[in-house]
């Protein structure tokens, strides 16, 4: 366990809400991150470059998009947010056990896919990923509160949901490509 006053203060920080609820420091940080992600993705040149590269890297390069610089920035942002999530998780659990979050990768990918981001790239929204994470949290909470189910059912349900959304994405992209081919 981490016994430090800063960790205790961060973990104990709460903003009261109307009624009997509150916002923790982690929730405030998440809201600020989502707002920042929306602004960056939809209102900056960098965000548009990311969408362009995700849609078709070769076309983006032909249009003069700085592909290599953008990809390096995306990896840098990914590293920053990975570190930030690790720190927040360490504050949440009050420990820094390196194997505590093993398996969370599936949850992260599932939240993104459930939120509507195409695995093929070029399409998706930050707010969709946010709601995908909320849907996953609700599923995990319902399974945990049921009490009669093994905790592995959470992973099985998330895997099935992820599979279903991937199949749905494939069907949607095929129908759109079929419509485009018929229109030409």
N, C-alpha and C. Protein backbone atom coordinates (compact mmCIF):
# COMPACT_ATOMS: atom_id res chain seq x y z
N UNK A 1 0.82 -1.20 0.00
CA UNK A 1 0.00 0.00 0.00
C UNK A 1 0.86 1.27 0.00
N UNK A 2 0.33 2.30 -0.60
CA UNK A 2 1.01 3.60 -0.62
C UNK A 2 0.52 4.40 0.57
N UNK A 3 1.43 4.72 1.49
CA UNK A 3 1.10 5.54 2.65
C UNK A 3 1.73 6.90 2.49
N UNK A 4 1.03 7.79 1.80
CA UNK A 4 1.53 9.14 1.59
C UNK A 4 0.35 10.09 1.71
N UNK A 5 0.59 11.25 2.28
CA UNK A 5 -0.50 12.20 2.51
C UNK A 5 -1.14 12.67 1.20
N UNK A 6 -0.33 12.84 0.14
CA UNK A 6 -0.89 13.31 -1.13
C UNK A 6 -1.86 12.29 -1.72
N UNK A 7 -1.52 11.01 -1.62
CA UNK A 7 -2.41 9.95 -2.13
C UNK A 7 -3.70 9.94 -1.33
N UNK A 8 -3.60 10.11 -0.01
CA UNK A 8 -4.79 10.15 0.83
C UNK A 8 -5.66 11.35 0.50
N UNK A 9 -5.03 12.51 0.29
CA UNK A 9 -5.79 13.72 -0.06
C UNK A 9 -6.47 13.58 -1.41
N UNK A 10 -5.74 13.05 -2.40
CA UNK A 10 -6.30 12.88 -3.74
C UNK A 10 -7.46 11.89 -3.70
N UNK A 11 -7.28 10.78 -2.99
CA UNK A 11 -8.32 9.76 -2.92
C UNK A 11 -9.54 10.26 -2.15
N UNK A 12 -9.31 11.12 -1.17
CA UNK A 12 -10.41 11.62 -0.35
C UNK A 12 -11.08 12.87 -0.88
N UNK A 13 -10.55 13.47 -1.94
CA UNK A 13 -11.11 14.70 -2.50
C UNK A 13 -12.48 14.42 -3.13
N UNK A 14 -13.49 15.20 -2.72
CA UNK A 14 -14.84 15.02 -3.26
C UNK A 14 -15.51 16.38 -3.41
N UNK A 15 -16.17 16.57 -4.53
CA UNK A 15 -16.97 17.77 -4.76
C UNK A 15 -18.43 17.36 -4.58
N UNK A 16 -19.12 17.99 -3.60
CA UNK A 16 -20.52 17.59 -3.37
C UNK A 16 -21.42 18.01 -4.53
N UNK A 17 -22.36 17.14 -4.86
CA UNK A 17 -23.36 17.40 -5.89
C UNK A 17 -24.72 17.54 -5.23
N UNK A 18 -25.69 18.11 -5.94
CA UNK A 18 -27.04 18.18 -5.36
C UNK A 18 -27.54 16.78 -5.01
N UNK A 19 -28.23 16.69 -3.93
CA UNK A 19 -28.66 15.38 -3.46
C UNK A 19 -27.60 14.82 -2.54
N UNK A 20 -27.32 13.54 -2.70
CA UNK A 20 -26.32 12.92 -1.82
C UNK A 20 -25.11 12.42 -2.57
N UNK A 21 -24.90 12.87 -3.81
CA UNK A 21 -23.77 12.40 -4.59
C UNK A 21 -22.57 13.32 -4.49
N UNK A 22 -21.48 12.90 -5.11
CA UNK A 22 -20.27 13.70 -5.16
C UNK A 22 -19.43 13.30 -6.36
N UNK A 23 -18.52 14.17 -6.72
CA UNK A 23 -17.55 13.90 -7.79
C UNK A 23 -16.18 13.73 -7.15
N UNK A 24 -15.51 12.64 -7.46
CA UNK A 24 -14.16 12.44 -6.94
C UNK A 24 -13.15 13.13 -7.85
N UNK A 25 -11.92 13.20 -7.40
CA UNK A 25 -10.86 13.81 -8.21
C UNK A 25 -10.65 13.02 -9.50
N UNK A 26 -10.78 11.71 -9.44
CA UNK A 26 -10.63 10.89 -10.65
C UNK A 26 -11.73 11.20 -11.66
N UNK A 27 -12.95 11.41 -11.18
CA UNK A 27 -14.07 11.74 -12.08
C UNK A 27 -13.87 13.11 -12.71
N UNK A 28 -13.40 14.07 -11.92
CA UNK A 28 -13.13 15.41 -12.47
C UNK A 28 -12.05 15.32 -13.53
N UNK A 29 -11.00 14.56 -13.26
CA UNK A 29 -9.92 14.38 -14.23
C UNK A 29 -10.43 13.70 -15.50
N UNK A 30 -11.32 12.72 -15.35
CA UNK A 30 -11.89 12.05 -16.52
C UNK A 30 -12.72 13.02 -17.35
N UNK A 31 -13.55 13.83 -16.71
CA UNK A 31 -14.38 14.80 -17.43
C UNK A 31 -13.51 15.80 -18.17
N UNK A 32 -12.47 16.29 -17.52
CA UNK A 32 -11.55 17.23 -18.18
C UNK A 32 -10.84 16.57 -19.36
N UNK A 33 -10.48 15.30 -19.21
CA UNK A 33 -9.81 14.57 -20.29
C UNK A 33 -10.75 14.38 -21.48
N UNK A 34 -12.00 14.04 -21.22
CA UNK A 34 -12.98 13.86 -22.30
C UNK A 34 -13.21 15.18 -23.03
N UNK A 35 -13.38 16.27 -22.28
CA UNK A 35 -13.57 17.59 -22.90
C UNK A 35 -12.34 17.96 -23.73
N UNK A 36 -11.15 17.75 -23.17
CA UNK A 36 -9.92 18.03 -23.91
C UNK A 36 -9.80 17.18 -25.17
N UNK A 37 -10.18 15.90 -25.06
CA UNK A 37 -10.14 15.02 -26.23
C UNK A 37 -11.10 15.45 -27.32
N UNK A 38 -12.29 15.90 -26.92
CA UNK A 38 -13.27 16.39 -27.90
C UNK A 38 -12.73 17.62 -28.61
N UNK A 39 -12.17 18.53 -27.85
CA UNK A 39 -11.63 19.76 -28.45
C UNK A 39 -10.49 19.43 -29.40
N UNK A 40 -9.57 18.59 -28.96
CA UNK A 40 -8.42 18.24 -29.82
C UNK A 40 -8.87 17.49 -31.07
N UNK A 41 -9.77 16.51 -30.90
CA UNK A 41 -10.16 15.68 -32.04
C UNK A 41 -11.00 16.42 -33.07
N UNK A 42 -11.82 17.34 -32.63
CA UNK A 42 -12.79 17.94 -33.55
C UNK A 42 -12.53 19.40 -33.90
N UNK A 43 -11.65 20.07 -33.16
CA UNK A 43 -11.48 21.50 -33.40
C UNK A 43 -10.03 21.92 -33.65
N UNK A 44 -9.14 20.95 -33.85
CA UNK A 44 -7.75 21.31 -34.15
C UNK A 44 -7.30 20.62 -35.43
N UNK A 45 -6.28 21.17 -36.02
CA UNK A 45 -5.71 20.57 -37.23
C UNK A 45 -5.15 19.19 -36.93
N UNK A 46 -4.52 19.06 -35.77
CA UNK A 46 -3.98 17.76 -35.37
C UNK A 46 -5.08 16.70 -35.35
N UNK A 47 -6.23 17.01 -34.77
CA UNK A 47 -7.33 16.06 -34.71
C UNK A 47 -7.83 15.67 -36.09
N UNK A 48 -7.94 16.66 -36.97
CA UNK A 48 -8.37 16.37 -38.34
C UNK A 48 -7.34 15.51 -39.07
N UNK A 49 -6.06 15.77 -38.81
CA UNK A 49 -5.01 14.95 -39.41
C UNK A 49 -5.11 13.50 -38.95
N UNK A 50 -5.42 13.31 -37.67
CA UNK A 50 -5.56 11.95 -37.14
C UNK A 50 -6.70 11.23 -37.84
N UNK A 51 -7.84 11.90 -37.99
CA UNK A 51 -8.98 11.30 -38.70
C UNK A 51 -8.61 10.98 -40.14
N UNK A 52 -7.91 11.90 -40.79
CA UNK A 52 -7.53 11.70 -42.19
C UNK A 52 -6.61 10.49 -42.34
N UNK A 53 -5.62 10.38 -41.46
CA UNK A 53 -4.69 9.26 -41.52
C UNK A 53 -5.42 7.95 -41.19
N UNK A 54 -6.34 8.00 -40.24
CA UNK A 54 -7.11 6.80 -39.90
C UNK A 54 -8.02 6.36 -41.03
N UNK A 55 -8.54 7.32 -41.79
CA UNK A 55 -9.41 6.98 -42.91
C UNK A 55 -8.65 6.36 -44.06
N UNK A 56 -7.56 6.98 -44.46
CA UNK A 56 -6.74 6.46 -45.56
C UNK A 56 -5.39 7.16 -45.50
N UNK A 57 -4.41 6.45 -44.99
CA UNK A 57 -3.08 7.03 -44.78
C UNK A 57 -2.47 7.52 -46.09
N UNK A 58 -2.60 6.74 -47.14
CA UNK A 58 -1.98 7.11 -48.41
C UNK A 58 -2.62 8.38 -48.98
N UNK A 59 -3.94 8.48 -48.91
CA UNK A 59 -4.61 9.69 -49.40
C UNK A 59 -4.22 10.90 -48.57
N UNK A 60 -4.13 10.72 -47.25
CA UNK A 60 -3.73 11.82 -46.39
C UNK A 60 -2.33 12.30 -46.73
N UNK A 61 -1.44 11.35 -47.02
CA UNK A 61 -0.07 11.71 -47.38
C UNK A 61 -0.04 12.46 -48.71
N UNK A 62 -0.85 12.02 -49.66
CA UNK A 62 -0.90 12.69 -50.97
C UNK A 62 -1.48 14.10 -50.86
N UNK A 63 -2.33 14.32 -49.86
CA UNK A 63 -2.90 15.65 -49.65
C UNK A 63 -1.99 16.58 -48.86
N UNK A 64 -0.83 16.09 -48.46
CA UNK A 64 0.13 16.94 -47.76
C UNK A 64 0.03 16.90 -46.25
N UNK A 65 -0.72 15.96 -45.72
CA UNK A 65 -0.82 15.82 -44.27
C UNK A 65 0.51 15.32 -43.73
N UNK A 66 1.02 15.94 -42.66
CA UNK A 66 2.29 15.46 -42.07
C UNK A 66 2.07 14.14 -41.33
N UNK A 67 2.08 13.05 -42.07
CA UNK A 67 1.71 11.74 -41.54
C UNK A 67 2.65 11.29 -40.42
N UNK A 68 3.94 11.33 -40.66
CA UNK A 68 4.89 10.80 -39.67
C UNK A 68 4.88 11.63 -38.39
N UNK A 69 4.83 12.94 -38.51
CA UNK A 69 4.79 13.80 -37.32
C UNK A 69 3.49 13.57 -36.54
N UNK A 70 2.39 13.40 -37.25
CA UNK A 70 1.11 13.16 -36.58
C UNK A 70 1.12 11.83 -35.85
N UNK A 71 1.67 10.80 -36.48
CA UNK A 71 1.73 9.48 -35.84
C UNK A 71 2.60 9.53 -34.59
N UNK A 72 3.70 10.24 -34.64
CA UNK A 72 4.56 10.38 -33.46
C UNK A 72 3.80 11.09 -32.34
N UNK A 73 3.04 12.13 -32.70
CA UNK A 73 2.25 12.84 -31.68
C UNK A 73 1.16 11.94 -31.10
N UNK A 74 0.56 11.11 -31.93
CA UNK A 74 -0.47 10.18 -31.44
C UNK A 74 0.15 9.20 -30.44
N UNK A 75 1.32 8.66 -30.76
CA UNK A 75 1.99 7.76 -29.82
C UNK A 75 2.40 8.48 -28.54
N UNK A 76 2.83 9.73 -28.65
CA UNK A 76 3.18 10.50 -27.46
C UNK A 76 1.94 10.72 -26.59
N UNK A 77 0.82 11.07 -27.21
CA UNK A 77 -0.43 11.24 -26.46
C UNK A 77 -0.86 9.93 -25.82
N UNK A 78 -0.71 8.84 -26.55
CA UNK A 78 -1.06 7.53 -26.01
C UNK A 78 -0.22 7.21 -24.78
N UNK A 79 1.07 7.48 -24.86
CA UNK A 79 1.94 7.26 -23.71
C UNK A 79 1.57 8.13 -22.52
N UNK A 80 1.24 9.40 -22.80
CA UNK A 80 0.85 10.32 -21.72
C UNK A 80 -0.42 9.82 -21.03
N UNK A 81 -1.43 9.45 -21.82
CA UNK A 81 -2.69 9.02 -21.21
C UNK A 81 -2.56 7.65 -20.55
N UNK A 82 -1.67 6.81 -21.04
CA UNK A 82 -1.40 5.54 -20.36
C UNK A 82 -0.78 5.80 -18.99
N UNK A 83 0.18 6.71 -18.95
CA UNK A 83 0.81 7.05 -17.67
C UNK A 83 -0.20 7.70 -16.72
N UNK A 84 -1.02 8.60 -17.26
CA UNK A 84 -2.03 9.26 -16.44
C UNK A 84 -3.02 8.25 -15.86
N UNK A 85 -3.45 7.30 -16.69
CA UNK A 85 -4.39 6.30 -16.19
C UNK A 85 -3.73 5.39 -15.15
N UNK A 86 -2.45 5.10 -15.33
CA UNK A 86 -1.73 4.32 -14.33
C UNK A 86 -1.63 5.03 -13.00
N UNK A 87 -1.37 6.33 -13.04
CA UNK A 87 -1.28 7.12 -11.81
C UNK A 87 -2.65 7.19 -11.13
N UNK A 88 -3.70 7.44 -11.91
CA UNK A 88 -5.04 7.51 -11.34
C UNK A 88 -5.44 6.16 -10.74
N UNK A 89 -5.11 5.07 -11.43
CA UNK A 89 -5.41 3.74 -10.90
C UNK A 89 -4.64 3.47 -9.61
N UNK A 90 -3.40 3.92 -9.56
CA UNK A 90 -2.61 3.75 -8.33
C UNK A 90 -3.22 4.55 -7.18
N UNK A 91 -3.72 5.75 -7.47
CA UNK A 91 -4.39 6.54 -6.43
C UNK A 91 -5.70 5.86 -6.00
N UNK A 92 -6.42 5.30 -6.96
CA UNK A 92 -7.70 4.66 -6.68
C UNK A 92 -7.52 3.43 -5.79
N UNK A 93 -6.50 2.62 -6.09
CA UNK A 93 -6.28 1.40 -5.32
C UNK A 93 -5.34 1.62 -4.13
N UNK A 94 -4.71 2.79 -4.07
CA UNK A 94 -3.73 3.12 -3.02
C UNK A 94 -2.59 2.11 -2.99
N UNK A 95 -2.28 1.55 -4.16
CA UNK A 95 -1.12 0.68 -4.29
C UNK A 95 -0.59 0.81 -5.71
N UNK A 96 0.63 0.38 -5.90
CA UNK A 96 1.24 0.47 -7.22
C UNK A 96 1.69 -0.90 -7.70
N UNK A 97 0.84 -1.88 -7.50
CA UNK A 97 1.14 -3.24 -7.94
C UNK A 97 1.08 -3.27 -9.46
N UNK A 98 2.18 -3.61 -10.14
CA UNK A 98 2.23 -3.49 -11.60
C UNK A 98 1.30 -4.44 -12.36
N UNK A 99 0.88 -5.53 -11.74
CA UNK A 99 0.03 -6.49 -12.43
C UNK A 99 -1.45 -6.32 -12.07
N UNK A 100 -1.79 -5.25 -11.37
CA UNK A 100 -3.17 -5.06 -10.93
C UNK A 100 -4.13 -4.82 -12.09
N UNK A 101 -3.66 -4.25 -13.17
CA UNK A 101 -4.54 -3.90 -14.29
C UNK A 101 -4.37 -4.83 -15.49
N UNK A 102 -3.84 -6.02 -15.27
CA UNK A 102 -3.70 -6.97 -16.37
C UNK A 102 -5.09 -7.37 -16.85
N UNK A 103 -5.32 -7.30 -18.14
CA UNK A 103 -6.62 -7.63 -18.70
C UNK A 103 -7.49 -6.42 -18.98
N UNK A 104 -7.07 -5.27 -18.54
CA UNK A 104 -7.85 -4.05 -18.76
C UNK A 104 -7.77 -3.62 -20.22
N UNK A 105 -6.80 -4.16 -20.96
CA UNK A 105 -6.66 -3.81 -22.38
C UNK A 105 -7.93 -4.18 -23.15
N UNK A 106 -8.49 -5.35 -22.86
CA UNK A 106 -9.72 -5.78 -23.51
C UNK A 106 -10.85 -4.79 -23.21
N UNK A 107 -10.91 -4.35 -21.96
CA UNK A 107 -11.94 -3.38 -21.58
C UNK A 107 -11.78 -2.08 -22.34
N UNK A 108 -10.55 -1.62 -22.50
CA UNK A 108 -10.31 -0.37 -23.22
C UNK A 108 -10.71 -0.49 -24.69
N UNK A 109 -10.32 -1.58 -25.32
CA UNK A 109 -10.68 -1.79 -26.73
C UNK A 109 -12.20 -1.93 -26.86
N UNK A 110 -12.81 -2.67 -25.95
CA UNK A 110 -14.26 -2.86 -26.01
C UNK A 110 -15.00 -1.54 -25.83
N UNK A 111 -14.55 -0.69 -24.92
CA UNK A 111 -15.21 0.61 -24.71
C UNK A 111 -15.14 1.45 -25.98
N UNK A 112 -14.01 1.43 -26.65
CA UNK A 112 -13.85 2.20 -27.88
C UNK A 112 -14.76 1.66 -28.98
N UNK A 113 -14.80 0.34 -29.13
CA UNK A 113 -15.63 -0.27 -30.18
C UNK A 113 -17.11 -0.11 -29.87
N UNK A 114 -17.51 -0.33 -28.63
CA UNK A 114 -18.90 -0.15 -28.23
C UNK A 114 -19.32 1.30 -28.42
N UNK A 115 -18.38 2.22 -28.23
CA UNK A 115 -18.66 3.64 -28.43
C UNK A 115 -18.81 4.04 -29.88
N UNK A 116 -18.55 3.13 -30.82
CA UNK A 116 -18.80 3.42 -32.22
C UNK A 116 -17.58 3.69 -33.07
N UNK A 117 -16.39 3.59 -32.52
CA UNK A 117 -15.19 3.79 -33.32
C UNK A 117 -14.93 2.56 -34.18
N UNK A 118 -14.72 2.78 -35.47
CA UNK A 118 -14.45 1.67 -36.37
C UNK A 118 -13.02 1.17 -36.15
N UNK A 119 -12.85 -0.12 -36.10
CA UNK A 119 -11.51 -0.69 -35.95
C UNK A 119 -10.67 -0.46 -37.20
N UNK A 120 -11.31 -0.24 -38.33
CA UNK A 120 -10.58 0.04 -39.56
C UNK A 120 -10.06 1.46 -39.61
N UNK A 121 -10.54 2.33 -38.72
CA UNK A 121 -10.02 3.69 -38.61
C UNK A 121 -10.84 4.72 -39.35
N UNK A 122 -10.56 5.99 -39.02
CA UNK A 122 -11.16 7.10 -39.73
C UNK A 122 -12.53 7.52 -39.26
N UNK A 123 -13.14 6.79 -38.33
CA UNK A 123 -14.49 7.12 -37.88
C UNK A 123 -14.63 6.79 -36.40
N UNK A 124 -15.11 7.76 -35.65
CA UNK A 124 -15.32 7.57 -34.23
C UNK A 124 -15.33 8.90 -33.51
N UNK A 125 -15.88 8.90 -32.31
CA UNK A 125 -15.99 10.12 -31.53
C UNK A 125 -15.55 9.87 -30.10
N UNK A 126 -14.97 10.87 -29.48
CA UNK A 126 -14.51 10.76 -28.10
C UNK A 126 -15.69 10.52 -27.17
N UNK A 127 -16.78 11.24 -27.40
CA UNK A 127 -17.95 11.09 -26.54
C UNK A 127 -18.55 9.69 -26.68
N UNK A 128 -18.44 9.09 -27.86
CA UNK A 128 -18.90 7.71 -28.04
C UNK A 128 -18.09 6.74 -27.20
N UNK A 129 -16.78 6.96 -27.16
CA UNK A 129 -15.92 6.12 -26.32
C UNK A 129 -16.27 6.29 -24.85
N UNK A 130 -16.57 7.52 -24.45
CA UNK A 130 -17.00 7.81 -23.07
C UNK A 130 -18.24 6.99 -22.73
N UNK A 131 -19.24 7.03 -23.62
CA UNK A 131 -20.47 6.27 -23.36
C UNK A 131 -20.23 4.77 -23.47
N UNK A 132 -19.30 4.34 -24.32
CA UNK A 132 -18.93 2.93 -24.37
C UNK A 132 -18.36 2.47 -23.04
N UNK A 133 -17.54 3.32 -22.42
CA UNK A 133 -17.00 3.01 -21.10
C UNK A 133 -18.09 2.94 -20.04
N UNK A 134 -19.06 3.84 -20.14
CA UNK A 134 -20.17 3.82 -19.18
C UNK A 134 -21.00 2.53 -19.35
N UNK A 135 -21.26 2.15 -20.59
CA UNK A 135 -22.01 0.91 -20.84
C UNK A 135 -21.26 -0.28 -20.26
N UNK A 136 -19.95 -0.31 -20.44
CA UNK A 136 -19.15 -1.41 -19.88
C UNK A 136 -19.21 -1.40 -18.36
N UNK A 137 -19.13 -0.21 -17.77
CA UNK A 137 -19.22 -0.12 -16.31
C UNK A 137 -20.55 -0.61 -15.78
N UNK A 138 -21.63 -0.28 -16.49
CA UNK A 138 -22.96 -0.75 -16.07
C UNK A 138 -23.03 -2.27 -16.15
N UNK A 139 -22.52 -2.84 -17.23
CA UNK A 139 -22.52 -4.31 -17.37
C UNK A 139 -21.73 -4.96 -16.24
N UNK A 140 -20.55 -4.43 -15.96
CA UNK A 140 -19.72 -5.00 -14.89
C UNK A 140 -20.40 -4.87 -13.53
N UNK A 141 -21.06 -3.73 -13.30
CA UNK A 141 -21.74 -3.52 -12.03
C UNK A 141 -22.93 -4.47 -11.89
N UNK A 142 -23.71 -4.64 -12.95
CA UNK A 142 -24.87 -5.54 -12.89
C UNK A 142 -24.44 -6.98 -12.61
N UNK A 143 -23.37 -7.41 -13.25
CA UNK A 143 -22.89 -8.78 -13.01
C UNK A 143 -22.35 -8.92 -11.59
N UNK A 144 -21.65 -7.89 -11.10
CA UNK A 144 -21.10 -7.95 -9.74
C UNK A 144 -22.22 -7.94 -8.70
N UNK A 145 -23.27 -7.13 -8.93
CA UNK A 145 -24.36 -7.04 -7.96
C UNK A 145 -25.28 -8.26 -8.00
N UNK A 146 -25.27 -9.00 -9.09
CA UNK A 146 -26.10 -10.20 -9.17
C UNK A 146 -25.68 -11.18 -8.09
N UNK A 147 -24.38 -11.32 -7.90
CA UNK A 147 -23.87 -12.14 -6.81
C UNK A 147 -23.81 -13.63 -7.10
N UNK A 148 -24.68 -14.11 -7.97
CA UNK A 148 -24.70 -15.55 -8.24
C UNK A 148 -23.77 -15.93 -9.39
N UNK A 149 -23.28 -14.94 -10.11
CA UNK A 149 -22.42 -15.22 -11.26
C UNK A 149 -20.95 -15.10 -10.89
N UNK A 150 -20.13 -15.92 -11.52
CA UNK A 150 -18.69 -15.86 -11.36
C UNK A 150 -18.18 -14.56 -11.99
N UNK A 151 -17.09 -14.03 -11.47
CA UNK A 151 -16.54 -12.78 -12.00
C UNK A 151 -16.06 -12.92 -13.44
N UNK A 152 -15.80 -14.14 -13.88
CA UNK A 152 -15.38 -14.36 -15.27
C UNK A 152 -16.51 -14.06 -16.25
N UNK A 153 -17.75 -14.08 -15.78
CA UNK A 153 -18.87 -13.76 -16.66
C UNK A 153 -18.78 -12.32 -17.16
N UNK A 154 -18.15 -11.46 -16.39
CA UNK A 154 -17.96 -10.08 -16.85
C UNK A 154 -17.12 -10.07 -18.11
N UNK A 155 -15.99 -10.77 -18.09
CA UNK A 155 -15.12 -10.83 -19.27
C UNK A 155 -15.82 -11.53 -20.44
N UNK A 156 -16.57 -12.57 -20.15
CA UNK A 156 -17.28 -13.28 -21.21
C UNK A 156 -18.32 -12.37 -21.85
N UNK A 157 -19.07 -11.63 -21.03
CA UNK A 157 -20.08 -10.72 -21.57
C UNK A 157 -19.44 -9.60 -22.38
N UNK A 158 -18.34 -9.05 -21.89
CA UNK A 158 -17.67 -7.98 -22.61
C UNK A 158 -17.10 -8.51 -23.92
N UNK A 159 -16.52 -9.71 -23.89
CA UNK A 159 -16.02 -10.32 -25.12
C UNK A 159 -17.13 -10.57 -26.13
N UNK A 160 -18.28 -11.05 -25.66
CA UNK A 160 -19.42 -11.29 -26.55
C UNK A 160 -19.95 -9.98 -27.12
N UNK A 161 -20.02 -8.96 -26.27
CA UNK A 161 -20.46 -7.64 -26.73
C UNK A 161 -19.49 -7.07 -27.75
N UNK A 162 -18.21 -7.22 -27.49
CA UNK A 162 -17.18 -6.75 -28.43
C UNK A 162 -17.31 -7.49 -29.76
N UNK A 163 -17.48 -8.80 -29.70
CA UNK A 163 -17.64 -9.59 -30.93
C UNK A 163 -18.88 -9.13 -31.70
N UNK A 164 -19.98 -8.91 -30.99
CA UNK A 164 -21.21 -8.46 -31.63
C UNK A 164 -21.04 -7.11 -32.32
N UNK A 165 -20.36 -6.18 -31.66
CA UNK A 165 -20.15 -4.86 -32.25
C UNK A 165 -19.19 -4.92 -33.44
N UNK A 166 -18.20 -5.80 -33.38
CA UNK A 166 -17.28 -5.94 -34.52
C UNK A 166 -18.03 -6.50 -35.72
N UNK A 167 -18.88 -7.51 -35.50
CA UNK A 167 -19.68 -8.06 -36.60
C UNK A 167 -20.61 -6.99 -37.15
N UNK A 168 -21.23 -6.21 -36.27
CA UNK A 168 -22.11 -5.13 -36.70
C UNK A 168 -21.35 -4.09 -37.53
N UNK A 169 -20.14 -3.75 -37.10
CA UNK A 169 -19.32 -2.80 -37.87
C UNK A 169 -19.00 -3.35 -39.25
N UNK A 170 -18.67 -4.62 -39.33
CA UNK A 170 -18.36 -5.22 -40.63
C UNK A 170 -19.58 -5.17 -41.55
N UNK A 171 -20.74 -5.48 -41.00
CA UNK A 171 -21.97 -5.44 -41.81
C UNK A 171 -22.27 -4.03 -42.28
N UNK A 172 -22.08 -3.05 -41.40
CA UNK A 172 -22.36 -1.66 -41.77
C UNK A 172 -21.38 -1.18 -42.83
N UNK A 173 -20.09 -1.47 -42.66
CA UNK A 173 -19.11 -1.01 -43.66
C UNK A 173 -19.31 -1.72 -44.99
N UNK A 174 -19.71 -2.98 -44.97
CA UNK A 174 -20.00 -3.68 -46.23
C UNK A 174 -21.22 -3.09 -46.93
N UNK A 175 -22.25 -2.75 -46.14
CA UNK A 175 -23.44 -2.19 -46.78
C UNK A 175 -23.15 -0.81 -47.35
N UNK A 176 -22.31 -0.01 -46.65
CA UNK A 176 -21.94 1.30 -47.18
C UNK A 176 -21.09 1.17 -48.44
N UNK A 177 -20.15 0.22 -48.44
CA UNK A 177 -19.32 0.05 -49.63
C UNK A 177 -20.15 -0.49 -50.79
N UNK A 178 -21.17 -1.30 -50.51
CA UNK A 178 -22.07 -1.78 -51.55
C UNK A 178 -22.92 -0.66 -52.11
N UNK A 179 -23.34 0.27 -51.23
CA UNK A 179 -24.13 1.42 -51.69
C UNK A 179 -23.28 2.33 -52.55
N UNK A 180 -22.02 2.51 -52.16
CA UNK A 180 -21.11 3.37 -52.95
C UNK A 180 -20.85 2.76 -54.32
N UNK A 181 -20.66 1.44 -54.35
CA UNK A 181 -20.38 0.77 -55.63
C UNK A 181 -21.61 0.85 -56.54
N UNK A 182 -22.80 0.77 -55.96
CA UNK A 182 -24.02 0.86 -56.75
C UNK A 182 -24.29 2.26 -57.24
N UNK A 183 -23.80 3.28 -56.50
CA UNK A 183 -24.03 4.67 -56.88
C UNK A 183 -23.13 5.10 -58.03
N UNK A 184 -21.98 4.43 -58.22
CA UNK A 184 -21.06 4.87 -59.28
C UNK A 184 -21.37 4.28 -60.60
